[in-house]
Amino acid sequence: MEIILKYFDDFSPKQLKQFAALKDLYKEWNDKINVISRKDIEEIYLHHVLHSLSIAAIANFKEGTEIIDIGCGGGFPGIPLAIFYPDVKFHLVDSIGKKLKVVNAIAEAIELKNITTQHTRAEEIKNKKFDFAISRAVAPLKELWQWSNPLLKKNTHPSQEISNGLICLKGGDLHQEISESKTRPAMMSVYEIFKEDYYKEKFILHIKK
């Protein structure tokens, strides 16, 4: 928890309580349904929560913004961002139902009211549009863009610091993946935001709608 407070300090008492509860809740649920690797659970705030919040460091989402988390797994980056932005609506989607069971249980336990979940694949979603799609290490960029592009609205909040589009967290050498995607994302180093060794090979990619 200290690692979160090293970089962010403007939380309400409720937000602090919600963030503080995550480690024990994920430990408890991980024993039943493995959604986080065993070695990561002790470093959940560095490896998962703060990593998710790197998106908040580059995108100050406006109240009422609607965001889809594609392939949310156990709830990252969606749950930490939903705590961070209580006035933003998050729709967490995954094709594996048991992972959403964990997401729903944790959201209920911390009284997180601004998320919904859907057991489906992103490419099967119809008649819904979002301001942003977010994702973390789910699929190659080419596929992520194919899935998210039809779900994105044109720029709906002109005052927003960042244009509508896909924001994803990726690691390693991304040159080939970006080339194959035929997109031209803006690319930011997470290490430039959070000076922790764990983030040296981790990046945020943003593709405008």
N, C-alpha and C. Protein backbone atom coordinates (compact mmCIF):
# COMPACT_ATOMS: atom_id res chain seq x y z
N MET A 1 0.83 -1.21 0.00
CA MET A 1 0.00 0.00 0.00
C MET A 1 0.86 1.27 0.00
N GLU A 2 2.03 1.20 0.67
CA GLU A 2 2.91 2.37 0.75
C GLU A 2 3.35 2.84 -0.63
N ILE A 3 3.51 1.88 -1.55
CA ILE A 3 3.98 2.24 -2.89
C ILE A 3 2.94 3.10 -3.62
N ILE A 4 1.66 2.91 -3.33
CA ILE A 4 0.62 3.74 -3.94
C ILE A 4 0.72 5.17 -3.39
N LEU A 5 0.90 5.27 -2.09
CA LEU A 5 0.95 6.59 -1.44
C LEU A 5 2.26 7.33 -1.74
N LYS A 6 3.23 6.61 -2.24
CA LYS A 6 4.48 7.26 -2.66
C LYS A 6 4.24 8.17 -3.87
N TYR A 7 3.26 7.78 -4.70
CA TYR A 7 3.02 8.52 -5.95
C TYR A 7 1.68 9.26 -5.99
N PHE A 8 0.75 8.88 -5.14
CA PHE A 8 -0.57 9.54 -5.12
C PHE A 8 -0.92 9.88 -3.67
N ASP A 9 -1.46 11.07 -3.45
CA ASP A 9 -1.77 11.44 -2.07
C ASP A 9 -3.14 12.11 -1.91
N ASP A 10 -3.91 12.16 -2.97
CA ASP A 10 -5.17 12.91 -2.90
C ASP A 10 -6.37 11.97 -2.88
N PHE A 11 -6.36 11.02 -1.95
CA PHE A 11 -7.45 10.05 -1.87
C PHE A 11 -8.39 10.39 -0.72
N SER A 12 -9.66 10.07 -0.91
CA SER A 12 -10.64 10.19 0.17
C SER A 12 -10.43 9.02 1.14
N PRO A 13 -10.96 9.13 2.36
CA PRO A 13 -10.87 7.99 3.30
C PRO A 13 -11.46 6.71 2.71
N LYS A 14 -12.55 6.83 1.94
CA LYS A 14 -13.15 5.64 1.33
C LYS A 14 -12.20 5.00 0.32
N GLN A 15 -11.57 5.82 -0.51
CA GLN A 15 -10.63 5.28 -1.50
C GLN A 15 -9.45 4.60 -0.80
N LEU A 16 -8.93 5.21 0.25
CA LEU A 16 -7.82 4.61 0.98
C LEU A 16 -8.22 3.25 1.54
N LYS A 17 -9.42 3.18 2.08
CA LYS A 17 -9.93 1.92 2.64
C LYS A 17 -10.08 0.87 1.54
N GLN A 18 -10.57 1.29 0.37
CA GLN A 18 -10.76 0.36 -0.75
C GLN A 18 -9.42 -0.19 -1.23
N PHE A 19 -8.45 0.70 -1.43
CA PHE A 19 -7.13 0.23 -1.87
C PHE A 19 -6.50 -0.70 -0.82
N ALA A 20 -6.61 -0.33 0.44
CA ALA A 20 -5.98 -1.12 1.51
C ALA A 20 -6.58 -2.53 1.60
N ALA A 21 -7.84 -2.67 1.23
CA ALA A 21 -8.52 -3.97 1.33
C ALA A 21 -8.11 -4.95 0.24
N LEU A 22 -7.53 -4.46 -0.84
CA LEU A 22 -7.32 -5.31 -2.02
C LEU A 22 -6.41 -6.51 -1.76
N LYS A 23 -5.32 -6.31 -1.03
CA LYS A 23 -4.36 -7.41 -0.87
C LYS A 23 -5.00 -8.62 -0.20
N ASP A 24 -5.65 -8.40 0.94
CA ASP A 24 -6.25 -9.53 1.65
C ASP A 24 -7.37 -10.18 0.85
N LEU A 25 -8.17 -9.35 0.15
CA LEU A 25 -9.26 -9.90 -0.66
C LEU A 25 -8.73 -10.77 -1.80
N TYR A 26 -7.69 -10.27 -2.47
CA TYR A 26 -7.13 -11.06 -3.58
C TYR A 26 -6.44 -12.33 -3.06
N LYS A 27 -5.79 -12.22 -1.90
CA LYS A 27 -5.19 -13.42 -1.31
C LYS A 27 -6.25 -14.48 -1.04
N GLU A 28 -7.34 -14.05 -0.43
CA GLU A 28 -8.43 -14.96 -0.08
C GLU A 28 -9.02 -15.60 -1.33
N TRP A 29 -9.30 -14.79 -2.35
CA TRP A 29 -9.92 -15.33 -3.56
C TRP A 29 -8.94 -16.13 -4.40
N ASN A 30 -7.67 -15.75 -4.35
CA ASN A 30 -6.68 -16.46 -5.16
C ASN A 30 -6.50 -17.90 -4.70
N ASP A 31 -6.78 -18.16 -3.42
CA ASP A 31 -6.72 -19.53 -2.92
C ASP A 31 -7.84 -20.39 -3.51
N LYS A 32 -8.93 -19.74 -3.91
CA LYS A 32 -10.07 -20.48 -4.48
C LYS A 32 -9.99 -20.51 -6.01
N ILE A 33 -9.71 -19.36 -6.59
CA ILE A 33 -9.65 -19.22 -8.06
C ILE A 33 -8.38 -18.45 -8.40
N ASN A 34 -7.47 -19.11 -9.06
CA ASN A 34 -6.15 -18.50 -9.30
C ASN A 34 -6.23 -17.44 -10.41
N VAL A 35 -6.24 -16.17 -10.01
CA VAL A 35 -6.29 -15.09 -11.00
C VAL A 35 -5.00 -14.28 -11.03
N ILE A 36 -4.15 -14.46 -10.03
CA ILE A 36 -2.86 -13.78 -9.95
C ILE A 36 -1.81 -14.84 -9.65
N SER A 37 -0.64 -14.76 -10.28
CA SER A 37 0.39 -15.76 -10.00
C SER A 37 0.78 -15.69 -8.52
N ARG A 38 1.11 -16.82 -7.95
CA ARG A 38 1.41 -16.91 -6.52
C ARG A 38 2.52 -15.95 -6.12
N LYS A 39 3.54 -15.83 -6.95
CA LYS A 39 4.67 -14.96 -6.59
C LYS A 39 4.28 -13.48 -6.65
N ASP A 40 3.25 -13.16 -7.42
CA ASP A 40 2.83 -11.76 -7.56
C ASP A 40 1.95 -11.28 -6.41
N ILE A 41 1.32 -12.19 -5.71
CA ILE A 41 0.31 -11.77 -4.74
C ILE A 41 0.92 -10.93 -3.62
N GLU A 42 2.16 -11.23 -3.23
CA GLU A 42 2.82 -10.43 -2.18
C GLU A 42 3.20 -9.05 -2.68
N GLU A 43 3.34 -8.92 -3.99
CA GLU A 43 3.72 -7.63 -4.59
C GLU A 43 2.53 -7.03 -5.35
N ILE A 44 1.34 -7.29 -4.87
CA ILE A 44 0.15 -6.90 -5.63
C ILE A 44 0.08 -5.40 -5.89
N TYR A 45 0.54 -4.60 -4.93
CA TYR A 45 0.45 -3.14 -5.12
C TYR A 45 1.44 -2.64 -6.16
N LEU A 46 2.64 -3.21 -6.19
CA LEU A 46 3.62 -2.81 -7.20
C LEU A 46 3.30 -3.42 -8.56
N HIS A 47 3.04 -4.72 -8.59
CA HIS A 47 2.90 -5.44 -9.86
C HIS A 47 1.54 -5.25 -10.53
N HIS A 48 0.52 -4.94 -9.76
CA HIS A 48 -0.82 -4.88 -10.33
C HIS A 48 -1.53 -3.54 -10.11
N VAL A 49 -1.60 -3.10 -8.85
CA VAL A 49 -2.39 -1.90 -8.56
C VAL A 49 -1.72 -0.64 -9.10
N LEU A 50 -0.47 -0.41 -8.73
CA LEU A 50 0.21 0.80 -9.22
C LEU A 50 0.39 0.75 -10.74
N HIS A 51 0.68 -0.44 -11.27
CA HIS A 51 0.80 -0.59 -12.72
C HIS A 51 -0.49 -0.15 -13.41
N SER A 52 -1.62 -0.57 -12.87
CA SER A 52 -2.91 -0.15 -13.43
C SER A 52 -3.07 1.37 -13.36
N LEU A 53 -2.61 1.96 -12.27
CA LEU A 53 -2.79 3.40 -12.06
C LEU A 53 -1.86 4.24 -12.93
N SER A 54 -0.93 3.61 -13.63
CA SER A 54 -0.11 4.38 -14.57
C SER A 54 -1.00 5.02 -15.64
N ILE A 55 -2.13 4.38 -15.93
CA ILE A 55 -3.08 4.96 -16.89
C ILE A 55 -3.65 6.27 -16.34
N ALA A 56 -3.90 6.30 -15.02
CA ALA A 56 -4.42 7.52 -14.40
C ALA A 56 -3.40 8.65 -14.46
N ALA A 57 -2.12 8.29 -14.51
CA ALA A 57 -1.07 9.31 -14.56
C ALA A 57 -1.00 10.01 -15.92
N ILE A 58 -1.56 9.38 -16.96
CA ILE A 58 -1.51 10.00 -18.29
C ILE A 58 -2.89 10.41 -18.81
N ALA A 59 -3.96 10.01 -18.10
CA ALA A 59 -5.31 10.30 -18.60
C ALA A 59 -6.21 10.71 -17.45
N ASN A 60 -6.54 11.97 -17.38
CA ASN A 60 -7.43 12.45 -16.33
C ASN A 60 -8.87 12.36 -16.83
N PHE A 61 -9.47 11.18 -16.67
CA PHE A 61 -10.80 10.94 -17.22
C PHE A 61 -11.85 11.84 -16.57
N LYS A 62 -12.71 12.42 -17.38
CA LYS A 62 -13.77 13.31 -16.90
C LYS A 62 -14.92 12.51 -16.30
N GLU A 63 -15.68 13.16 -15.43
CA GLU A 63 -16.87 12.54 -14.85
C GLU A 63 -17.82 12.10 -15.95
N GLY A 64 -18.35 10.87 -15.83
CA GLY A 64 -19.28 10.35 -16.82
C GLY A 64 -18.64 9.61 -17.97
N THR A 65 -17.31 9.63 -18.05
CA THR A 65 -16.61 8.87 -19.09
C THR A 65 -16.95 7.38 -18.96
N GLU A 66 -17.12 6.70 -20.10
CA GLU A 66 -17.43 5.27 -20.10
C GLU A 66 -16.26 4.49 -20.69
N ILE A 67 -15.80 3.49 -19.94
CA ILE A 67 -14.58 2.77 -20.29
C ILE A 67 -14.83 1.27 -20.26
N ILE A 68 -14.35 0.57 -21.28
CA ILE A 68 -14.41 -0.90 -21.27
C ILE A 68 -13.02 -1.45 -21.01
N ASP A 69 -12.94 -2.40 -20.09
CA ASP A 69 -11.69 -3.11 -19.79
C ASP A 69 -11.78 -4.46 -20.50
N ILE A 70 -10.99 -4.61 -21.56
CA ILE A 70 -11.05 -5.82 -22.39
C ILE A 70 -10.13 -6.89 -21.82
N GLY A 71 -10.72 -8.07 -21.52
CA GLY A 71 -9.93 -9.16 -20.94
C GLY A 71 -9.43 -8.78 -19.56
N CYS A 72 -10.36 -8.42 -18.70
CA CYS A 72 -9.99 -7.83 -17.40
C CYS A 72 -9.35 -8.82 -16.44
N GLY A 73 -9.47 -10.12 -16.71
CA GLY A 73 -8.89 -11.11 -15.80
C GLY A 73 -9.45 -10.94 -14.41
N GLY A 74 -8.57 -10.81 -13.42
CA GLY A 74 -9.00 -10.63 -12.04
C GLY A 74 -9.39 -9.20 -11.70
N GLY A 75 -9.36 -8.32 -12.70
CA GLY A 75 -9.82 -6.95 -12.45
C GLY A 75 -8.79 -5.86 -12.64
N PHE A 76 -7.74 -6.16 -13.41
CA PHE A 76 -6.71 -5.15 -13.66
C PHE A 76 -6.62 -4.86 -15.15
N PRO A 77 -6.61 -3.59 -15.52
CA PRO A 77 -6.50 -2.39 -14.68
C PRO A 77 -7.82 -1.82 -14.15
N GLY A 78 -8.95 -2.47 -14.44
CA GLY A 78 -10.25 -1.86 -14.19
C GLY A 78 -10.55 -1.52 -12.74
N ILE A 79 -10.30 -2.45 -11.80
CA ILE A 79 -10.67 -2.19 -10.40
C ILE A 79 -9.88 -1.03 -9.79
N PRO A 80 -8.55 -1.01 -9.90
CA PRO A 80 -7.83 0.15 -9.33
C PRO A 80 -8.26 1.48 -9.96
N LEU A 81 -8.51 1.48 -11.27
CA LEU A 81 -8.94 2.72 -11.92
C LEU A 81 -10.35 3.13 -11.50
N ALA A 82 -11.21 2.14 -11.25
CA ALA A 82 -12.56 2.46 -10.79
C ALA A 82 -12.54 3.05 -9.38
N ILE A 83 -11.60 2.59 -8.55
CA ILE A 83 -11.43 3.21 -7.23
C ILE A 83 -10.92 4.64 -7.40
N PHE A 84 -9.96 4.81 -8.28
CA PHE A 84 -9.33 6.12 -8.52
C PHE A 84 -10.33 7.13 -9.08
N TYR A 85 -11.21 6.66 -9.98
CA TYR A 85 -12.19 7.52 -10.65
C TYR A 85 -13.61 7.09 -10.29
N PRO A 86 -14.10 7.47 -9.11
CA PRO A 86 -15.43 7.01 -8.70
C PRO A 86 -16.58 7.55 -9.55
N ASP A 87 -16.32 8.61 -10.34
CA ASP A 87 -17.37 9.20 -11.18
C ASP A 87 -17.28 8.76 -12.64
N VAL A 88 -16.45 7.75 -12.91
CA VAL A 88 -16.28 7.21 -14.26
C VAL A 88 -16.87 5.79 -14.27
N LYS A 89 -17.51 5.42 -15.38
CA LYS A 89 -18.16 4.10 -15.47
C LYS A 89 -17.22 3.11 -16.16
N PHE A 90 -17.01 1.97 -15.51
CA PHE A 90 -16.12 0.94 -16.04
C PHE A 90 -16.93 -0.34 -16.31
N HIS A 91 -16.74 -0.90 -17.52
CA HIS A 91 -17.40 -2.15 -17.91
C HIS A 91 -16.30 -3.19 -18.12
N LEU A 92 -16.22 -4.16 -17.21
CA LEU A 92 -15.14 -5.15 -17.24
C LEU A 92 -15.62 -6.41 -17.94
N VAL A 93 -14.89 -6.81 -18.97
CA VAL A 93 -15.29 -7.92 -19.84
C VAL A 93 -14.21 -8.99 -19.84
N ASP A 94 -14.64 -10.25 -19.71
CA ASP A 94 -13.70 -11.35 -19.85
C ASP A 94 -14.45 -12.58 -20.36
N SER A 95 -13.74 -13.44 -21.08
CA SER A 95 -14.37 -14.64 -21.63
C SER A 95 -14.38 -15.78 -20.62
N ILE A 96 -13.71 -15.60 -19.47
CA ILE A 96 -13.65 -16.65 -18.45
C ILE A 96 -14.50 -16.22 -17.25
N GLY A 97 -15.60 -16.91 -17.06
CA GLY A 97 -16.58 -16.51 -16.06
C GLY A 97 -16.07 -16.50 -14.64
N LYS A 98 -15.19 -17.47 -14.29
CA LYS A 98 -14.73 -17.54 -12.90
C LYS A 98 -13.88 -16.32 -12.52
N LYS A 99 -13.23 -15.72 -13.50
CA LYS A 99 -12.47 -14.50 -13.20
C LYS A 99 -13.41 -13.35 -12.85
N LEU A 100 -14.53 -13.29 -13.56
CA LEU A 100 -15.52 -12.24 -13.26
C LEU A 100 -16.18 -12.48 -11.91
N LYS A 101 -16.24 -13.73 -11.49
CA LYS A 101 -16.76 -14.03 -10.15
C LYS A 101 -15.89 -13.33 -9.10
N VAL A 102 -14.58 -13.38 -9.29
CA VAL A 102 -13.65 -12.70 -8.38
C VAL A 102 -13.84 -11.19 -8.45
N VAL A 103 -13.93 -10.66 -9.67
CA VAL A 103 -14.13 -9.22 -9.85
C VAL A 103 -15.38 -8.75 -9.13
N ASN A 104 -16.47 -9.46 -9.34
CA ASN A 104 -17.74 -9.06 -8.72
C ASN A 104 -17.69 -9.15 -7.20
N ALA A 105 -17.05 -10.19 -6.68
CA ALA A 105 -16.96 -10.36 -5.23
C ALA A 105 -16.12 -9.26 -4.60
N ILE A 106 -15.01 -8.92 -5.25
CA ILE A 106 -14.15 -7.86 -4.69
C ILE A 106 -14.83 -6.50 -4.80
N ALA A 107 -15.48 -6.23 -5.91
CA ALA A 107 -16.22 -4.97 -6.06
C ALA A 107 -17.29 -4.83 -4.99
N GLU A 108 -17.98 -5.93 -4.72
CA GLU A 108 -19.03 -5.90 -3.68
C GLU A 108 -18.42 -5.68 -2.30
N ALA A 109 -17.30 -6.35 -2.03
CA ALA A 109 -16.67 -6.26 -0.71
C ALA A 109 -16.19 -4.85 -0.39
N ILE A 110 -15.73 -4.13 -1.41
CA ILE A 110 -15.21 -2.77 -1.17
C ILE A 110 -16.23 -1.69 -1.55
N GLU A 111 -17.46 -2.13 -1.85
CA GLU A 111 -18.55 -1.21 -2.19
C GLU A 111 -18.18 -0.31 -3.37
N LEU A 112 -17.69 -0.97 -4.42
CA LEU A 112 -17.32 -0.26 -5.65
C LEU A 112 -18.54 -0.27 -6.57
N LYS A 113 -19.15 0.89 -6.73
CA LYS A 113 -20.45 0.99 -7.40
C LYS A 113 -20.38 1.33 -8.89
N ASN A 114 -19.20 1.69 -9.37
CA ASN A 114 -19.11 2.23 -10.74
C ASN A 114 -18.55 1.22 -11.74
N ILE A 115 -18.67 -0.09 -11.43
CA ILE A 115 -18.29 -1.09 -12.44
C ILE A 115 -19.44 -2.04 -12.73
N THR A 116 -19.48 -2.48 -13.97
CA THR A 116 -20.35 -3.56 -14.40
C THR A 116 -19.46 -4.62 -15.04
N THR A 117 -19.95 -5.84 -15.13
CA THR A 117 -19.16 -6.90 -15.75
C THR A 117 -19.99 -7.62 -16.80
N GLN A 118 -19.30 -8.26 -17.73
CA GLN A 118 -19.98 -9.02 -18.78
C GLN A 118 -19.11 -10.21 -19.17
N HIS A 119 -19.71 -11.40 -19.15
CA HIS A 119 -19.01 -12.62 -19.52
C HIS A 119 -19.15 -12.82 -21.02
N THR A 120 -18.18 -12.33 -21.75
CA THR A 120 -18.22 -12.41 -23.22
C THR A 120 -16.84 -12.08 -23.77
N ARG A 121 -16.72 -12.19 -25.06
CA ARG A 121 -15.52 -11.72 -25.76
C ARG A 121 -15.82 -10.32 -26.30
N ALA A 122 -14.82 -9.49 -26.30
CA ALA A 122 -15.02 -8.10 -26.73
C ALA A 122 -15.59 -8.02 -28.14
N GLU A 123 -15.15 -8.93 -29.01
CA GLU A 123 -15.59 -8.87 -30.41
C GLU A 123 -17.05 -9.27 -30.58
N GLU A 124 -17.64 -9.80 -29.52
CA GLU A 124 -19.05 -10.21 -29.60
C GLU A 124 -20.00 -9.14 -29.04
N ILE A 125 -19.46 -8.06 -28.52
CA ILE A 125 -20.31 -7.01 -27.94
C ILE A 125 -20.93 -6.18 -29.06
N LYS A 126 -22.24 -6.00 -28.97
CA LYS A 126 -22.97 -5.20 -29.97
C LYS A 126 -23.76 -4.11 -29.24
N ASN A 127 -24.04 -3.05 -29.96
CA ASN A 127 -24.93 -1.98 -29.47
C ASN A 127 -24.44 -1.31 -28.20
N LYS A 128 -23.13 -1.30 -28.00
CA LYS A 128 -22.56 -0.55 -26.88
C LYS A 128 -21.35 0.22 -27.39
N LYS A 129 -21.21 1.45 -26.91
CA LYS A 129 -20.06 2.27 -27.30
C LYS A 129 -19.43 2.88 -26.05
N PHE A 130 -18.12 3.07 -26.11
CA PHE A 130 -17.37 3.57 -24.97
C PHE A 130 -16.45 4.70 -25.41
N ASP A 131 -16.04 5.52 -24.45
CA ASP A 131 -15.09 6.58 -24.74
C ASP A 131 -13.67 6.04 -24.88
N PHE A 132 -13.36 5.04 -24.03
CA PHE A 132 -12.03 4.43 -24.04
C PHE A 132 -12.14 2.93 -23.87
N ALA A 133 -11.17 2.22 -24.43
CA ALA A 133 -10.94 0.82 -24.12
C ALA A 133 -9.59 0.75 -23.41
N ILE A 134 -9.52 -0.05 -22.34
CA ILE A 134 -8.26 -0.26 -21.65
C ILE A 134 -7.98 -1.76 -21.60
N SER A 135 -6.71 -2.11 -21.49
CA SER A 135 -6.36 -3.52 -21.46
C SER A 135 -4.93 -3.68 -20.96
N ARG A 136 -4.65 -4.85 -20.40
CA ARG A 136 -3.30 -5.11 -19.90
C ARG A 136 -2.85 -6.49 -20.33
N ALA A 137 -1.89 -6.54 -21.25
CA ALA A 137 -1.22 -7.79 -21.63
C ALA A 137 -2.19 -8.92 -21.95
N VAL A 138 -3.22 -8.61 -22.73
CA VAL A 138 -4.24 -9.61 -23.04
C VAL A 138 -4.01 -10.28 -24.39
N ALA A 139 -3.63 -9.49 -25.38
CA ALA A 139 -3.51 -9.99 -26.75
C ALA A 139 -2.57 -9.06 -27.52
N PRO A 140 -2.10 -9.49 -28.69
CA PRO A 140 -1.30 -8.60 -29.52
C PRO A 140 -2.06 -7.32 -29.86
N LEU A 141 -1.33 -6.25 -30.07
CA LEU A 141 -1.94 -4.94 -30.32
C LEU A 141 -2.88 -4.97 -31.53
N LYS A 142 -2.51 -5.72 -32.56
CA LYS A 142 -3.35 -5.82 -33.75
C LYS A 142 -4.75 -6.29 -33.39
N GLU A 143 -4.83 -7.34 -32.58
CA GLU A 143 -6.13 -7.88 -32.18
C GLU A 143 -6.86 -6.93 -31.24
N LEU A 144 -6.15 -6.35 -30.30
CA LEU A 144 -6.77 -5.41 -29.36
C LEU A 144 -7.43 -4.26 -30.10
N TRP A 145 -6.75 -3.78 -31.13
CA TRP A 145 -7.31 -2.66 -31.90
C TRP A 145 -8.50 -3.11 -32.73
N GLN A 146 -8.43 -4.30 -33.30
CA GLN A 146 -9.57 -4.83 -34.06
C GLN A 146 -10.81 -4.98 -33.18
N TRP A 147 -10.59 -5.43 -31.95
CA TRP A 147 -11.71 -5.62 -31.02
C TRP A 147 -12.26 -4.29 -30.51
N SER A 148 -11.37 -3.38 -30.17
CA SER A 148 -11.80 -2.15 -29.49
C SER A 148 -12.31 -1.08 -30.45
N ASN A 149 -11.74 -0.99 -31.62
CA ASN A 149 -12.10 0.10 -32.54
C ASN A 149 -13.61 0.22 -32.79
N PRO A 150 -14.32 -0.90 -33.06
CA PRO A 150 -15.77 -0.77 -33.30
C PRO A 150 -16.56 -0.35 -32.06
N LEU A 151 -15.95 -0.47 -30.88
CA LEU A 151 -16.65 -0.17 -29.63
C LEU A 151 -16.42 1.27 -29.16
N LEU A 152 -15.60 2.01 -29.89
CA LEU A 152 -15.20 3.34 -29.43
C LEU A 152 -16.00 4.45 -30.08
N LYS A 153 -16.39 5.42 -29.26
CA LYS A 153 -17.03 6.63 -29.77
C LYS A 153 -15.94 7.57 -30.28
N LYS A 154 -16.34 8.47 -31.17
CA LYS A 154 -15.44 9.56 -31.55
C LYS A 154 -15.24 10.44 -30.33
N ASN A 155 -14.31 11.37 -30.41
CA ASN A 155 -13.95 12.16 -29.23
C ASN A 155 -15.16 12.86 -28.63
N THR A 156 -15.60 12.37 -27.46
CA THR A 156 -16.85 12.85 -26.86
C THR A 156 -16.62 13.90 -25.78
N HIS A 157 -15.40 13.99 -25.29
CA HIS A 157 -15.07 14.98 -24.25
C HIS A 157 -13.90 15.82 -24.77
N PRO A 158 -14.17 16.85 -25.57
CA PRO A 158 -13.07 17.63 -26.16
C PRO A 158 -12.12 18.21 -25.11
N SER A 159 -12.62 18.41 -23.89
CA SER A 159 -11.76 18.99 -22.84
C SER A 159 -10.87 17.93 -22.18
N GLN A 160 -11.10 16.66 -22.51
CA GLN A 160 -10.30 15.58 -21.92
C GLN A 160 -8.84 15.73 -22.33
N GLU A 161 -7.95 15.38 -21.43
CA GLU A 161 -6.52 15.55 -21.70
C GLU A 161 -6.02 14.60 -22.78
N ILE A 162 -6.74 13.53 -23.02
CA ILE A 162 -6.29 12.51 -23.96
C ILE A 162 -7.48 12.12 -24.84
N SER A 163 -7.22 11.92 -26.13
CA SER A 163 -8.30 11.63 -27.07
C SER A 163 -8.87 10.23 -26.86
N ASN A 164 -10.16 10.08 -27.16
CA ASN A 164 -10.80 8.77 -27.11
C ASN A 164 -9.96 7.74 -27.86
N GLY A 165 -9.93 6.52 -27.34
CA GLY A 165 -9.19 5.48 -28.04
C GLY A 165 -8.86 4.32 -27.13
N LEU A 166 -7.89 3.52 -27.56
CA LEU A 166 -7.42 2.36 -26.83
C LEU A 166 -6.19 2.75 -26.01
N ILE A 167 -6.20 2.40 -24.72
CA ILE A 167 -5.02 2.59 -23.87
C ILE A 167 -4.66 1.22 -23.31
N CYS A 168 -3.47 0.74 -23.63
CA CYS A 168 -3.11 -0.59 -23.13
C CYS A 168 -1.73 -0.60 -22.51
N LEU A 169 -1.56 -1.53 -21.58
CA LEU A 169 -0.29 -1.71 -20.87
C LEU A 169 0.41 -2.91 -21.47
N LYS A 170 1.67 -2.70 -21.88
CA LYS A 170 2.44 -3.75 -22.55
C LYS A 170 3.86 -3.76 -22.02
N GLY A 171 4.56 -4.88 -22.24
CA GLY A 171 5.94 -4.97 -21.80
C GLY A 171 6.85 -5.52 -22.88
N GLY A 172 8.15 -5.25 -22.72
CA GLY A 172 9.15 -5.82 -23.62
C GLY A 172 9.36 -5.02 -24.89
N ASP A 173 9.98 -5.67 -25.88
CA ASP A 173 10.25 -5.03 -27.17
C ASP A 173 8.98 -5.09 -28.02
N LEU A 174 8.41 -3.93 -28.30
CA LEU A 174 7.10 -3.87 -28.96
C LEU A 174 7.17 -3.49 -30.43
N HIS A 175 8.37 -3.36 -30.98
CA HIS A 175 8.49 -2.85 -32.35
C HIS A 175 7.74 -3.71 -33.36
N GLN A 176 7.93 -5.02 -33.30
CA GLN A 176 7.27 -5.90 -34.27
C GLN A 176 5.76 -5.90 -34.06
N GLU A 177 5.34 -5.93 -32.81
CA GLU A 177 3.91 -5.95 -32.51
C GLU A 177 3.23 -4.68 -33.02
N ILE A 178 3.88 -3.55 -32.84
CA ILE A 178 3.31 -2.28 -33.32
C ILE A 178 3.27 -2.28 -34.85
N SER A 179 4.35 -2.75 -35.46
CA SER A 179 4.41 -2.80 -36.92
C SER A 179 3.30 -3.67 -37.49
N GLU A 180 3.08 -4.83 -36.89
CA GLU A 180 2.05 -5.76 -37.38
C GLU A 180 0.64 -5.20 -37.17
N SER A 181 0.49 -4.32 -36.21
CA SER A 181 -0.83 -3.77 -35.93
C SER A 181 -1.26 -2.72 -36.94
N LYS A 182 -0.26 -2.19 -37.69
CA LYS A 182 -0.51 -1.11 -38.66
C LYS A 182 -1.18 0.10 -38.00
N THR A 183 -0.81 0.34 -36.75
CA THR A 183 -1.27 1.54 -36.03
C THR A 183 -0.04 2.37 -35.67
N ARG A 184 -0.30 3.58 -35.24
CA ARG A 184 0.81 4.45 -34.82
C ARG A 184 0.52 4.97 -33.42
N PRO A 185 0.68 4.11 -32.42
CA PRO A 185 0.32 4.54 -31.06
C PRO A 185 1.33 5.51 -30.47
N ALA A 186 0.83 6.39 -29.60
CA ALA A 186 1.73 7.13 -28.72
C ALA A 186 2.22 6.14 -27.67
N MET A 187 3.49 6.22 -27.33
CA MET A 187 4.08 5.22 -26.43
C MET A 187 4.80 5.93 -25.29
N MET A 188 4.46 5.57 -24.06
CA MET A 188 5.06 6.19 -22.89
C MET A 188 5.65 5.12 -21.99
N SER A 189 6.79 5.40 -21.41
CA SER A 189 7.43 4.46 -20.49
C SER A 189 6.80 4.59 -19.10
N VAL A 190 6.37 3.46 -18.54
CA VAL A 190 5.85 3.49 -17.17
C VAL A 190 6.95 3.89 -16.19
N TYR A 191 8.19 3.51 -16.52
CA TYR A 191 9.33 3.85 -15.65
C TYR A 191 9.53 5.36 -15.55
N GLU A 192 9.15 6.09 -16.59
CA GLU A 192 9.26 7.55 -16.53
C GLU A 192 8.23 8.15 -15.57
N ILE A 193 7.17 7.41 -15.31
CA ILE A 193 6.11 7.87 -14.40
C ILE A 193 6.40 7.41 -12.97
N PHE A 194 6.72 6.13 -12.84
CA PHE A 194 7.01 5.53 -11.53
C PHE A 194 8.43 4.97 -11.58
N LYS A 195 9.34 5.58 -10.84
CA LYS A 195 10.75 5.19 -10.90
C LYS A 195 11.02 3.94 -10.06
N GLU A 196 10.44 2.83 -10.53
CA GLU A 196 10.63 1.54 -9.88
C GLU A 196 11.23 0.57 -10.90
N ASP A 197 12.23 -0.19 -10.51
CA ASP A 197 12.91 -1.08 -11.46
C ASP A 197 11.95 -2.02 -12.18
N TYR A 198 10.89 -2.43 -11.50
CA TYR A 198 9.92 -3.35 -12.09
C TYR A 198 9.33 -2.83 -13.40
N TYR A 199 9.31 -1.51 -13.56
CA TYR A 199 8.64 -0.91 -14.73
C TYR A 199 9.60 -0.56 -15.87
N LYS A 200 10.84 -0.97 -15.79
CA LYS A 200 11.82 -0.53 -16.79
C LYS A 200 11.49 -0.98 -18.20
N GLU A 201 10.82 -2.10 -18.34
CA GLU A 201 10.47 -2.61 -19.68
C GLU A 201 8.97 -2.57 -19.91
N LYS A 202 8.28 -1.67 -19.24
CA LYS A 202 6.82 -1.62 -19.35
C LYS A 202 6.37 -0.28 -19.93
N PHE A 203 5.35 -0.35 -20.78
CA PHE A 203 4.94 0.83 -21.53
C PHE A 203 3.41 0.97 -21.56
N ILE A 204 2.98 2.22 -21.77
CA ILE A 204 1.57 2.52 -22.02
C ILE A 204 1.46 2.91 -23.49
N LEU A 205 0.55 2.29 -24.20
CA LEU A 205 0.29 2.62 -25.61
C LEU A 205 -1.10 3.23 -25.74
N HIS A 206 -1.18 4.29 -26.53
CA HIS A 206 -2.47 4.95 -26.75
C HIS A 206 -2.69 5.10 -28.26
N ILE A 207 -3.80 4.51 -28.73
CA ILE A 207 -4.18 4.65 -30.14
C ILE A 207 -5.45 5.47 -30.19
N LYS A 208 -5.41 6.58 -30.88
CA LYS A 208 -6.58 7.45 -31.00
C LYS A 208 -7.64 6.81 -31.88
N LYS A 209 -8.91 7.02 -31.50
CA LYS A 209 -10.02 6.59 -32.33
C LYS A 209 -10.03 7.42 -33.62
